[in-house]
Amino acid sequence: MNWTLEVVVVPVSDVDRAKEFYAERLGFTVDHDTKMGDDGRIVQLTPPGSGCSIVMGSGPLPKMEPGSLKGIQLVVPDLEKARAELVERGVEVSEIMKMGDNPRPTPHPLDNVGFLFFDDPDGNSWAVQQISDRA
């Protein structure tokens, strides 16, 4: 049996501001923006190439403090290209950091051990790791 992670709830204080950040700055696809009644709203966005989406909004979502999500991780095949794209889109992003040594030879020295970090407007923290070739 496969167990796939499909959705992560991201707690935000301003849904429109967060939607703009994730769609315009990070390039996530807006899957839907649905109103439910007078005070409910669900926005779902998906990173390019990902099978897992993020959801934010109001109403039926779990109540979490905006900015309390820490350590969500994206994976890219080229960290330098990803960083350049984020900087070009106006995202405040860390320098690339090498964390540890590879446990085996890899096609690129940043594979598995190269990371960068950024926060969304509410302070939810994200990591981006380079893995160019999965074993």
C-alpha atoms as a PDB file:
ATOM      1  CA  MET A   1       0.000   0.000   0.000  1.00  0.00           C
ATOM      2  CA  ASN A   2       1.292   3.452  -0.920  1.00  0.00           C
ATOM      3  CA  TRP A   3       0.920   6.300   1.557  1.00  0.00           C
ATOM      4  CA  THR A   4       1.272   9.613  -0.224  1.00  0.00           C
ATOM      5  CA  LEU A   5       1.441  13.036   1.343  1.00  0.00           C
ATOM      6  CA  GLU A   6      -0.962  15.182  -0.677  1.00  0.00           C
ATOM      7  CA  VAL A   7      -1.718  18.368   1.307  1.00  0.00           C
ATOM      8  CA  VAL A   8      -0.022  20.475   3.973  1.00  0.00           C
ATOM      9  CA  VAL A   9      -2.019  23.208   5.735  1.00  0.00           C
ATOM     10  CA  VAL A  10      -0.061  26.472   5.924  1.00  0.00           C
ATOM     11  CA  PRO A  11      -1.332  28.824   8.635  1.00  0.00           C
ATOM     12  CA  VAL A  12      -1.481  32.431   7.421  1.00  0.00           C
ATOM     13  CA  SER A  13      -2.929  35.691   8.707  1.00  0.00           C
ATOM     14  CA  ASP A  14      -3.846  37.185   5.317  1.00  0.00           C
ATOM     15  CA  VAL A  15      -4.987  34.722   2.649  1.00  0.00           C
ATOM     16  CA  ASP A  16      -4.706  37.181  -0.260  1.00  0.00           C
ATOM     17  CA  ARG A  17      -1.155  38.203   0.701  1.00  0.00           C
ATOM     18  CA  ALA A  18      -0.121  34.553   1.146  1.00  0.00           C
ATOM     19  CA  LYS A  19      -1.746  33.529  -2.143  1.00  0.00           C
ATOM     20  CA  GLU A  20       0.188  36.271  -3.952  1.00  0.00           C
ATOM     21  CA  PHE A  21       3.470  35.199  -2.313  1.00  0.00           C
ATOM     22  CA  TYR A  22       3.106  31.516  -3.129  1.00  0.00           C
ATOM     23  CA  ALA A  23       1.706  32.042  -6.649  1.00  0.00           C
ATOM     24  CA  GLU A  24       3.645  35.091  -7.852  1.00  0.00           C
ATOM     25  CA  ARG A  25       6.892  34.859  -5.889  1.00  0.00           C
ATOM     26  CA  LEU A  26       7.334  31.087  -5.630  1.00  0.00           C
ATOM     27  CA  GLY A  27       5.553  30.141  -8.852  1.00  0.00           C
ATOM     28  CA  PHE A  28       3.090  27.691  -7.281  1.00  0.00           C
ATOM     29  CA  THR A  29      -0.002  26.901  -9.380  1.00  0.00           C
ATOM     30  CA  VAL A  30      -3.324  28.064  -7.923  1.00  0.00           C
ATOM     31  CA  ASP A  31      -5.446  24.912  -8.041  1.00  0.00           C
ATOM     32  CA  HIS A  32      -8.529  26.560  -6.594  1.00  0.00           C
ATOM     33  CA  ASP A  33      -9.733  29.483  -4.506  1.00  0.00           C
ATOM     34  CA  THR A  34     -13.115  28.502  -3.117  1.00  0.00           C
ATOM     35  CA  LYS A  35     -15.508  30.495  -0.917  1.00  0.00           C
ATOM     36  CA  MET A  36     -17.640  28.521   1.500  1.00  0.00           C
ATOM     37  CA  GLY A  37     -20.423  30.505   3.078  1.00  0.00           C
ATOM     38  CA  ASP A  38     -19.864  33.992   4.446  1.00  0.00           C
ATOM     39  CA  ASP A  39     -16.535  33.462   6.216  1.00  0.00           C
ATOM     40  CA  GLY A  40     -15.005  30.289   4.783  1.00  0.00           C
ATOM     41  CA  ARG A  41     -12.363  30.180   2.074  1.00  0.00           C
ATOM     42  CA  ILE A  42      -9.929  27.516   0.914  1.00  0.00           C
ATOM     43  CA  VAL A  43      -6.996  28.235  -1.400  1.00  0.00           C
ATOM     44  CA  GLN A  44      -4.957  25.318  -2.705  1.00  0.00           C
ATOM     45  CA  LEU A  45      -1.631  25.784  -4.483  1.00  0.00           C
ATOM     46  CA  THR A  46       0.877  23.259  -5.818  1.00  0.00           C
ATOM     47  CA  PRO A  47       4.621  23.681  -6.384  1.00  0.00           C
ATOM     48  CA  PRO A  48       5.680  22.962  -9.990  1.00  0.00           C
ATOM     49  CA  GLY A  49       6.161  19.219 -10.441  1.00  0.00           C
ATOM     50  CA  SER A  50       4.937  18.310  -6.956  1.00  0.00           C
ATOM     51  CA  GLY A  51       2.381  15.703  -5.980  1.00  0.00           C
ATOM     52  CA  CYS A  52       1.774  17.547  -2.707  1.00  0.00           C
ATOM     53  CA  SER A  53      -0.133  20.824  -2.425  1.00  0.00           C
ATOM     54  CA  ILE A  54      -0.480  23.459   0.257  1.00  0.00           C
ATOM     55  CA  VAL A  55      -3.812  24.731   1.546  1.00  0.00           C
ATOM     56  CA  MET A  56      -4.596  27.960   3.373  1.00  0.00           C
ATOM     57  CA  GLY A  57      -7.717  29.828   4.227  1.00  0.00           C
ATOM     58  CA  SER A  58     -10.412  30.262   6.836  1.00  0.00           C
ATOM     59  CA  GLY A  59     -13.389  28.340   8.086  1.00  0.00           C
ATOM     60  CA  PRO A  60     -13.021  24.559   8.173  1.00  0.00           C
ATOM     61  CA  LEU A  61      -9.203  24.447   8.319  1.00  0.00           C
ATOM     62  CA  PRO A  62      -7.440  23.474  11.548  1.00  0.00           C
ATOM     63  CA  LYS A  63      -6.732  26.477  13.761  1.00  0.00           C
ATOM     64  CA  MET A  64      -2.987  27.075  13.851  1.00  0.00           C
ATOM     65  CA  GLU A  65      -0.997  30.170  14.684  1.00  0.00           C
ATOM     66  CA  PRO A  66       0.130  32.011  11.515  1.00  0.00           C
ATOM     67  CA  GLY A  67       3.853  31.470  11.040  1.00  0.00           C
ATOM     68  CA  SER A  68       3.967  28.335  13.199  1.00  0.00           C
ATOM     69  CA  LEU A  69       4.803  25.938  10.350  1.00  0.00           C
ATOM     70  CA  LYS A  70       8.550  25.260  10.364  1.00  0.00           C
ATOM     71  CA  GLY A  71      10.752  22.968   8.330  1.00  0.00           C
ATOM     72  CA  ILE A  72       8.654  22.201   5.270  1.00  0.00           C
ATOM     73  CA  GLN A  73      11.067  21.153   2.557  1.00  0.00           C
ATOM     74  CA  LEU A  74      11.055  21.419  -1.209  1.00  0.00           C
ATOM     75  CA  VAL A  75      13.501  19.472  -3.401  1.00  0.00           C
ATOM     76  CA  VAL A  76      14.998  20.756  -6.654  1.00  0.00           C
ATOM     77  CA  PRO A  77      17.519  19.302  -9.108  1.00  0.00           C
ATOM     78  CA  ASP A  78      19.537  22.562  -9.335  1.00  0.00           C
ATOM     79  CA  LEU A  79      19.803  24.661  -6.177  1.00  0.00           C
ATOM     80  CA  GLU A  80      21.777  27.491  -7.776  1.00  0.00           C
ATOM     81  CA  LYS A  81      19.128  27.908 -10.485  1.00  0.00           C
ATOM     82  CA  ALA A  82      16.339  27.720  -7.897  1.00  0.00           C
ATOM     83  CA  ARG A  83      18.013  30.381  -5.747  1.00  0.00           C
ATOM     84  CA  ALA A  84      18.483  32.691  -8.738  1.00  0.00           C
ATOM     85  CA  GLU A  85      14.804  32.286  -9.652  1.00  0.00           C
ATOM     86  CA  LEU A  86      13.663  33.072  -6.101  1.00  0.00           C
ATOM     87  CA  VAL A  87      15.891  36.148  -5.894  1.00  0.00           C
ATOM     88  CA  GLU A  88      14.611  37.331  -9.286  1.00  0.00           C
ATOM     89  CA  ARG A  89      11.032  36.962  -7.991  1.00  0.00           C
ATOM     90  CA  GLY A  90      11.841  39.086  -4.914  1.00  0.00           C
ATOM     91  CA  VAL A  91      12.016  36.342  -2.281  1.00  0.00           C
ATOM     92  CA  GLU A  92      14.409  36.954   0.612  1.00  0.00           C
ATOM     93  CA  VAL A  93      16.401  33.729   0.578  1.00  0.00           C
ATOM     94  CA  SER A  94      19.536  32.542   2.358  1.00  0.00           C
ATOM     95  CA  GLU A  95      22.795  31.806   0.659  1.00  0.00           C
ATOM     96  CA  ILE A  96      23.314  28.178  -0.356  1.00  0.00           C
ATOM     97  CA  MET A  97      24.663  26.134   2.528  1.00  0.00           C
ATOM     98  CA  LYS A  98      26.388  22.772   2.411  1.00  0.00           C
ATOM     99  CA  MET A  99      25.304  20.730   5.408  1.00  0.00           C
ATOM    100  CA  GLY A 100      27.497  17.701   6.004  1.00  0.00           C
ATOM    101  CA  ASP A 101      29.149  15.319   3.588  1.00  0.00           C
ATOM    102  CA  ASN A 102      27.556  13.052   1.033  1.00  0.00           C
ATOM    103  CA  PRO A 103      27.275   9.446   2.185  1.00  0.00           C
ATOM    104  CA  ARG A 104      28.078   8.285  -1.357  1.00  0.00           C
ATOM    105  CA  PRO A 105      29.439   9.785  -4.589  1.00  0.00           C
ATOM    106  CA  THR A 106      26.951  12.085  -6.322  1.00  0.00           C
ATOM    107  CA  PRO A 107      26.781  13.766  -9.747  1.00  0.00           C
ATOM    108  CA  HIS A 108      27.015  17.229  -8.124  1.00  0.00           C
ATOM    109  CA  PRO A 109      28.734  18.312  -4.885  1.00  0.00           C
ATOM    110  CA  LEU A 110      25.520  19.943  -3.591  1.00  0.00           C
ATOM    111  CA  ASP A 111      23.383  16.824  -4.073  1.00  0.00           C
ATOM    112  CA  ASN A 112      21.771  15.754  -0.785  1.00  0.00           C
ATOM    113  CA  VAL A 113      23.776  18.284   1.250  1.00  0.00           C
ATOM    114  CA  GLY A 114      22.971  21.629  -0.440  1.00  0.00           C
ATOM    115  CA  PHE A 115      20.219  23.733   1.151  1.00  0.00           C
ATOM    116  CA  LEU A 116      18.756  27.224   1.164  1.00  0.00           C
ATOM    117  CA  PHE A 117      16.071  28.695   3.398  1.00  0.00           C
ATOM    118  CA  PHE A 118      13.300  31.296   3.239  1.00  0.00           C
ATOM    119  CA  ASP A 119      10.202  32.413   5.150  1.00  0.00           C
ATOM    120  CA  ASP A 120       6.779  33.382   3.839  1.00  0.00           C
ATOM    121  CA  PRO A 121       5.252  36.743   4.896  1.00  0.00           C
ATOM    122  CA  ASP A 122       3.872  35.190   8.122  1.00  0.00           C
ATOM    123  CA  GLY A 123       7.155  33.547   9.115  1.00  0.00           C
ATOM    124  CA  ASN A 124       6.381  29.982   8.034  1.00  0.00           C
ATOM    125  CA  SER A 125       9.846  28.538   7.333  1.00  0.00           C
ATOM    126  CA  TRP A 126      10.834  26.567   4.251  1.00  0.00           C
ATOM    127  CA  ALA A 127      13.965  24.687   3.221  1.00  0.00           C
ATOM    128  CA  VAL A 128      15.022  23.809  -0.316  1.00  0.00           C
ATOM    129  CA  GLN A 129      17.353  20.845  -0.860  1.00  0.00           C
ATOM    130  CA  GLN A 130      19.197  19.803  -3.995  1.00  0.00           C
ATOM    131  CA  ILE A 131      18.777  16.227  -5.179  1.00  0.00           C
ATOM    132  CA  SER A 132      19.574  15.945  -8.888  1.00  0.00           C
ATOM    133  CA  ASP A 133      19.460  12.175  -9.152  1.00  0.00           C
ATOM    134  CA  ARG A 134      17.503   9.859  -6.881  1.00  0.00           C
ATOM    135  CA  ALA A 135      19.089   6.442  -6.358  1.00  0.00           C
END
